[in-house]
N, C-alpha and C. Protein backbone atom coordinates (compact mmCIF):
# COMPACT_ATOMS: atom_id res chain seq x y z
N MET A 1 -24.69 -15.04 -38.96
CA MET A 1 -24.14 -13.81 -38.42
C MET A 1 -22.70 -14.09 -38.01
N ASN A 2 -21.78 -13.33 -38.57
CA ASN A 2 -20.38 -13.55 -38.23
C ASN A 2 -19.99 -12.72 -37.00
N PHE A 3 -18.81 -12.99 -36.49
CA PHE A 3 -18.35 -12.35 -35.26
C PHE A 3 -18.19 -10.84 -35.42
N GLY A 4 -17.73 -10.39 -36.58
CA GLY A 4 -17.54 -8.96 -36.82
C GLY A 4 -18.85 -8.18 -36.77
N ALA A 5 -19.89 -8.74 -37.37
CA ALA A 5 -21.20 -8.08 -37.35
C ALA A 5 -21.76 -8.06 -35.94
N PHE A 6 -21.52 -9.13 -35.18
CA PHE A 6 -22.00 -9.19 -33.80
C PHE A 6 -21.34 -8.13 -32.93
N THR A 7 -20.01 -8.00 -33.03
CA THR A 7 -19.31 -7.00 -32.23
C THR A 7 -19.66 -5.59 -32.68
N GLU A 8 -19.93 -5.41 -33.96
CA GLU A 8 -20.33 -4.09 -34.45
C GLU A 8 -21.69 -3.70 -33.89
N SER A 9 -22.62 -4.65 -33.79
CA SER A 9 -23.93 -4.33 -33.23
C SER A 9 -23.83 -4.03 -31.74
N ILE A 10 -22.96 -4.71 -31.02
CA ILE A 10 -22.74 -4.40 -29.60
C ILE A 10 -22.12 -3.02 -29.46
N GLY A 11 -21.18 -2.69 -30.33
CA GLY A 11 -20.56 -1.36 -30.31
C GLY A 11 -21.57 -0.26 -30.53
N ARG A 12 -22.49 -0.47 -31.47
CA ARG A 12 -23.55 0.53 -31.71
C ARG A 12 -24.46 0.67 -30.50
N LEU A 13 -24.76 -0.46 -29.84
CA LEU A 13 -25.62 -0.41 -28.65
C LEU A 13 -24.94 0.36 -27.52
N VAL A 14 -23.66 0.09 -27.28
CA VAL A 14 -22.93 0.80 -26.22
C VAL A 14 -22.83 2.28 -26.55
N GLU A 15 -22.61 2.60 -27.83
CA GLU A 15 -22.54 4.01 -28.24
C GLU A 15 -23.88 4.71 -28.04
N LYS A 16 -24.97 4.02 -28.31
CA LYS A 16 -26.30 4.61 -28.17
C LYS A 16 -26.67 4.84 -26.71
N THR A 17 -26.16 4.00 -25.80
CA THR A 17 -26.50 4.14 -24.39
C THR A 17 -25.64 5.17 -23.66
N HIS A 18 -24.59 5.68 -24.29
CA HIS A 18 -23.70 6.72 -23.75
C HIS A 18 -22.95 6.27 -22.50
N LEU A 19 -22.71 4.97 -22.36
CA LEU A 19 -21.98 4.47 -21.20
C LEU A 19 -20.54 4.97 -21.16
N VAL A 20 -19.87 4.94 -22.30
CA VAL A 20 -18.45 5.34 -22.34
C VAL A 20 -18.30 6.80 -21.97
N GLU A 21 -19.17 7.66 -22.48
CA GLU A 21 -19.09 9.08 -22.17
C GLU A 21 -19.35 9.32 -20.68
N GLN A 22 -20.30 8.59 -20.11
CA GLN A 22 -20.61 8.78 -18.69
C GLN A 22 -19.46 8.30 -17.81
N ILE A 23 -18.79 7.23 -18.19
CA ILE A 23 -17.67 6.74 -17.41
C ILE A 23 -16.48 7.68 -17.52
N LYS A 24 -16.15 8.11 -18.75
CA LYS A 24 -15.02 9.03 -18.94
C LYS A 24 -15.27 10.38 -18.30
N GLY A 25 -16.49 10.86 -18.37
CA GLY A 25 -16.82 12.18 -17.83
C GLY A 25 -17.04 12.19 -16.33
N GLY A 26 -17.05 11.03 -15.70
CA GLY A 26 -17.28 10.97 -14.26
C GLY A 26 -18.70 11.35 -13.89
N ASP A 27 -19.65 11.03 -14.76
CA ASP A 27 -21.06 11.35 -14.51
C ASP A 27 -21.66 10.30 -13.60
N PHE A 28 -21.38 10.42 -12.30
CA PHE A 28 -21.81 9.43 -11.31
C PHE A 28 -23.33 9.32 -11.24
N PRO A 29 -24.07 10.43 -11.10
CA PRO A 29 -25.54 10.31 -11.04
C PRO A 29 -26.13 9.79 -12.35
N GLY A 30 -25.59 10.23 -13.46
CA GLY A 30 -26.09 9.78 -14.76
C GLY A 30 -25.85 8.31 -14.99
N LEU A 31 -24.71 7.82 -14.53
CA LEU A 31 -24.38 6.41 -14.72
C LEU A 31 -25.29 5.52 -13.89
N PHE A 32 -25.60 5.95 -12.66
CA PHE A 32 -26.44 5.13 -11.81
C PHE A 32 -27.92 5.30 -12.08
N THR A 33 -28.29 6.11 -13.06
CA THR A 33 -29.66 6.15 -13.54
C THR A 33 -29.77 5.49 -14.91
N ASN A 34 -28.65 5.07 -15.48
CA ASN A 34 -28.62 4.38 -16.76
C ASN A 34 -28.80 2.89 -16.50
N LEU A 35 -29.92 2.34 -16.95
CA LEU A 35 -30.23 0.94 -16.68
C LEU A 35 -29.23 -0.01 -17.33
N TRP A 36 -28.58 0.41 -18.42
CA TRP A 36 -27.61 -0.45 -19.09
C TRP A 36 -26.37 -0.65 -18.23
N PHE A 37 -26.12 0.23 -17.27
CA PHE A 37 -25.04 0.05 -16.30
C PHE A 37 -25.58 -0.51 -14.99
N LEU A 38 -26.72 -0.02 -14.56
CA LEU A 38 -27.24 -0.33 -13.23
C LEU A 38 -27.61 -1.81 -13.08
N VAL A 39 -28.24 -2.39 -14.07
CA VAL A 39 -28.66 -3.79 -13.96
C VAL A 39 -27.46 -4.73 -13.82
N PRO A 40 -26.43 -4.65 -14.68
CA PRO A 40 -25.27 -5.53 -14.47
C PRO A 40 -24.52 -5.23 -13.17
N PHE A 41 -24.47 -3.96 -12.76
CA PHE A 41 -23.78 -3.60 -11.53
C PHE A 41 -24.48 -4.20 -10.31
N VAL A 42 -25.81 -4.08 -10.26
CA VAL A 42 -26.57 -4.66 -9.16
C VAL A 42 -26.45 -6.18 -9.18
N ALA A 43 -26.44 -6.77 -10.37
CA ALA A 43 -26.26 -8.23 -10.47
C ALA A 43 -24.89 -8.64 -9.94
N LEU A 44 -23.85 -7.86 -10.26
CA LEU A 44 -22.51 -8.16 -9.75
C LEU A 44 -22.46 -8.05 -8.24
N VAL A 45 -23.00 -6.99 -7.69
CA VAL A 45 -23.01 -6.83 -6.23
C VAL A 45 -23.84 -7.93 -5.57
N GLY A 46 -24.97 -8.28 -6.17
CA GLY A 46 -25.78 -9.36 -5.64
C GLY A 46 -25.04 -10.69 -5.66
N TYR A 47 -24.32 -10.95 -6.75
CA TYR A 47 -23.53 -12.18 -6.84
C TYR A 47 -22.41 -12.20 -5.80
N LEU A 48 -21.76 -11.06 -5.60
CA LEU A 48 -20.69 -11.00 -4.61
C LEU A 48 -21.25 -11.18 -3.19
N LEU A 49 -22.44 -10.66 -2.94
CA LEU A 49 -23.08 -10.89 -1.64
C LEU A 49 -23.45 -12.36 -1.48
N TYR A 50 -23.95 -12.97 -2.54
CA TYR A 50 -24.30 -14.39 -2.49
C TYR A 50 -23.06 -15.25 -2.21
N LYS A 51 -21.96 -14.90 -2.81
CA LYS A 51 -20.71 -15.64 -2.61
C LYS A 51 -20.01 -15.25 -1.31
N LYS A 52 -20.56 -14.24 -0.61
CA LYS A 52 -19.97 -13.71 0.62
C LYS A 52 -18.54 -13.22 0.39
N ALA A 53 -18.33 -12.55 -0.72
CA ALA A 53 -17.03 -12.01 -1.09
C ALA A 53 -16.94 -10.55 -0.65
N PHE A 54 -16.93 -10.35 0.68
CA PHE A 54 -16.94 -9.00 1.22
C PHE A 54 -15.66 -8.24 0.89
N LYS A 55 -14.56 -8.96 0.78
CA LYS A 55 -13.29 -8.33 0.39
C LYS A 55 -13.42 -7.72 -1.01
N ASP A 56 -14.03 -8.46 -1.93
CA ASP A 56 -14.20 -7.95 -3.28
C ASP A 56 -15.19 -6.78 -3.32
N ILE A 57 -16.20 -6.82 -2.48
CA ILE A 57 -17.15 -5.70 -2.41
C ILE A 57 -16.45 -4.45 -1.90
N MET A 58 -15.57 -4.62 -0.91
CA MET A 58 -14.83 -3.46 -0.38
C MET A 58 -13.89 -2.89 -1.44
N ILE A 59 -13.22 -3.75 -2.18
CA ILE A 59 -12.32 -3.28 -3.25
C ILE A 59 -13.13 -2.58 -4.34
N LEU A 60 -14.28 -3.13 -4.70
CA LEU A 60 -15.15 -2.48 -5.68
C LEU A 60 -15.61 -1.12 -5.18
N GLY A 61 -15.96 -1.02 -3.90
CA GLY A 61 -16.36 0.26 -3.32
C GLY A 61 -15.24 1.28 -3.33
N ILE A 62 -14.01 0.83 -3.03
CA ILE A 62 -12.86 1.74 -3.06
C ILE A 62 -12.63 2.24 -4.48
N LEU A 63 -12.70 1.34 -5.46
CA LEU A 63 -12.49 1.74 -6.85
C LEU A 63 -13.57 2.71 -7.31
N MET A 64 -14.82 2.46 -6.92
CA MET A 64 -15.90 3.38 -7.29
C MET A 64 -15.70 4.73 -6.61
N GLY A 65 -15.24 4.72 -5.36
CA GLY A 65 -14.98 5.98 -4.65
C GLY A 65 -13.86 6.79 -5.29
N VAL A 66 -12.80 6.11 -5.71
CA VAL A 66 -11.70 6.80 -6.38
C VAL A 66 -12.17 7.35 -7.72
N TRP A 67 -12.98 6.55 -8.45
CA TRP A 67 -13.50 7.03 -9.73
C TRP A 67 -14.39 8.24 -9.53
N TYR A 68 -15.23 8.22 -8.50
CA TYR A 68 -16.10 9.36 -8.21
C TYR A 68 -15.27 10.59 -7.85
N ALA A 69 -14.22 10.39 -7.06
CA ALA A 69 -13.39 11.52 -6.63
C ALA A 69 -12.68 12.18 -7.81
N THR A 70 -12.36 11.41 -8.83
CA THR A 70 -11.67 12.00 -9.98
C THR A 70 -12.56 12.96 -10.77
N GLY A 71 -13.86 12.85 -10.62
CA GLY A 71 -14.76 13.74 -11.34
C GLY A 71 -15.19 14.97 -10.57
N THR A 72 -14.68 15.15 -9.34
CA THR A 72 -15.10 16.29 -8.54
C THR A 72 -14.40 17.57 -9.01
N SER A 73 -14.96 18.70 -8.60
CA SER A 73 -14.37 19.99 -8.98
C SER A 73 -13.01 20.18 -8.31
N TYR A 74 -12.80 19.56 -7.15
CA TYR A 74 -11.50 19.65 -6.47
C TYR A 74 -10.41 19.06 -7.35
N MET A 75 -10.69 17.91 -7.94
CA MET A 75 -9.70 17.26 -8.79
C MET A 75 -9.46 18.05 -10.08
N GLN A 76 -10.52 18.70 -10.58
CA GLN A 76 -10.38 19.48 -11.80
C GLN A 76 -9.50 20.71 -11.57
N GLY A 77 -9.42 21.18 -10.32
CA GLY A 77 -8.62 22.36 -10.01
C GLY A 77 -7.19 22.05 -9.57
N LEU A 78 -6.74 20.83 -9.71
CA LEU A 78 -5.38 20.49 -9.30
C LEU A 78 -4.32 21.12 -10.20
N VAL A 79 -4.66 21.28 -11.46
CA VAL A 79 -3.73 21.89 -12.41
C VAL A 79 -4.38 23.16 -12.94
N VAL A 80 -3.74 24.29 -12.69
CA VAL A 80 -4.24 25.58 -13.16
C VAL A 80 -3.19 26.19 -14.08
N ASP A 81 -3.58 26.46 -15.30
CA ASP A 81 -2.68 27.02 -16.33
C ASP A 81 -1.42 26.19 -16.50
N GLY A 82 -1.56 24.89 -16.43
CA GLY A 82 -0.43 23.99 -16.64
C GLY A 82 0.48 23.84 -15.44
N ILE A 83 0.12 24.42 -14.30
CA ILE A 83 0.94 24.35 -13.09
C ILE A 83 0.19 23.55 -12.03
N ILE A 84 0.89 22.55 -11.47
CA ILE A 84 0.28 21.73 -10.43
C ILE A 84 0.24 22.54 -9.14
N GLN A 85 -0.92 22.56 -8.51
CA GLN A 85 -1.10 23.26 -7.24
C GLN A 85 -0.67 22.33 -6.11
N ILE A 86 0.53 22.55 -5.57
CA ILE A 86 1.12 21.63 -4.59
C ILE A 86 0.29 21.57 -3.31
N ASN A 87 -0.33 22.67 -2.92
CA ASN A 87 -1.14 22.64 -1.70
C ASN A 87 -2.40 21.81 -1.87
N LYS A 88 -2.84 21.60 -3.11
CA LYS A 88 -4.01 20.77 -3.36
C LYS A 88 -3.64 19.32 -3.67
N ILE A 89 -2.44 19.09 -4.17
CA ILE A 89 -2.09 17.74 -4.61
C ILE A 89 -1.67 16.84 -3.46
N LEU A 90 -1.12 17.41 -2.39
CA LEU A 90 -0.65 16.57 -1.28
C LEU A 90 -1.77 15.77 -0.61
N PRO A 91 -2.96 16.35 -0.34
CA PRO A 91 -4.03 15.51 0.22
C PRO A 91 -4.46 14.39 -0.74
N VAL A 92 -4.41 14.66 -2.02
CA VAL A 92 -4.77 13.63 -3.01
C VAL A 92 -3.76 12.49 -2.98
N VAL A 93 -2.47 12.84 -2.88
CA VAL A 93 -1.42 11.82 -2.83
C VAL A 93 -1.58 10.96 -1.58
N PHE A 94 -1.80 11.59 -0.45
CA PHE A 94 -1.95 10.83 0.79
C PHE A 94 -3.23 9.99 0.78
N GLY A 95 -4.31 10.52 0.26
CA GLY A 95 -5.55 9.75 0.14
C GLY A 95 -5.38 8.57 -0.80
N GLY A 96 -4.67 8.78 -1.89
CA GLY A 96 -4.39 7.68 -2.81
C GLY A 96 -3.52 6.62 -2.18
N ALA A 97 -2.54 7.05 -1.37
CA ALA A 97 -1.68 6.09 -0.68
C ALA A 97 -2.48 5.25 0.31
N VAL A 98 -3.41 5.89 1.02
CA VAL A 98 -4.24 5.15 1.98
C VAL A 98 -5.13 4.16 1.23
N ALA A 99 -5.75 4.59 0.14
CA ALA A 99 -6.61 3.69 -0.64
C ALA A 99 -5.82 2.53 -1.21
N LEU A 100 -4.64 2.81 -1.75
CA LEU A 100 -3.79 1.75 -2.29
C LEU A 100 -3.33 0.80 -1.21
N GLY A 101 -2.97 1.33 -0.05
CA GLY A 101 -2.56 0.49 1.07
C GLY A 101 -3.69 -0.41 1.53
N LEU A 102 -4.90 0.12 1.57
CA LEU A 102 -6.06 -0.69 1.97
C LEU A 102 -6.33 -1.80 0.97
N VAL A 103 -6.24 -1.49 -0.32
CA VAL A 103 -6.45 -2.52 -1.35
C VAL A 103 -5.37 -3.60 -1.25
N ILE A 104 -4.12 -3.20 -1.07
CA ILE A 104 -3.04 -4.18 -0.94
C ILE A 104 -3.25 -5.04 0.30
N TYR A 105 -3.66 -4.43 1.41
CA TYR A 105 -3.93 -5.19 2.63
C TYR A 105 -5.04 -6.20 2.39
N LEU A 106 -6.13 -5.77 1.71
CA LEU A 106 -7.24 -6.68 1.46
C LEU A 106 -6.84 -7.83 0.54
N LEU A 107 -5.96 -7.56 -0.42
CA LEU A 107 -5.55 -8.60 -1.34
C LEU A 107 -4.57 -9.59 -0.73
N LEU A 108 -3.72 -9.12 0.18
CA LEU A 108 -2.65 -9.97 0.69
C LEU A 108 -2.92 -10.59 2.05
N ARG A 109 -4.00 -10.21 2.72
CA ARG A 109 -4.24 -10.77 4.05
C ARG A 109 -4.71 -12.21 3.93
N ARG A 110 -4.54 -12.93 5.01
CA ARG A 110 -4.95 -14.34 5.04
C ARG A 110 -6.45 -14.45 5.04
N SER A 111 -6.95 -15.47 4.41
CA SER A 111 -8.39 -15.76 4.47
C SER A 111 -8.67 -16.57 5.73
N ASP A 112 -9.76 -16.25 6.37
CA ASP A 112 -10.10 -16.98 7.60
C ASP A 112 -10.79 -18.27 7.30
């Protein structure tokens, strides 16, 4: 079995499990009921807990929260007829700044 056939079979498996569509579409409940995502995700979180990498768990949680927020109806209504709704975009900008600041703080702080 050559490398091309191996990657092609993995591509067919990922396509059959609909992981890419669920991630792009922001299907949070669907993704967490898909065992092809849930098993590796739980294994990753378990490994991070075993390694006591709480900083990495917090960063992963922030990233998952931002990904979830992008799929909400609030985010879908930020642009109406090609016009950005300024009254809706300012809370998103400030929330993004807080999330980014928290991630930067977690990455740059000293380890105890």
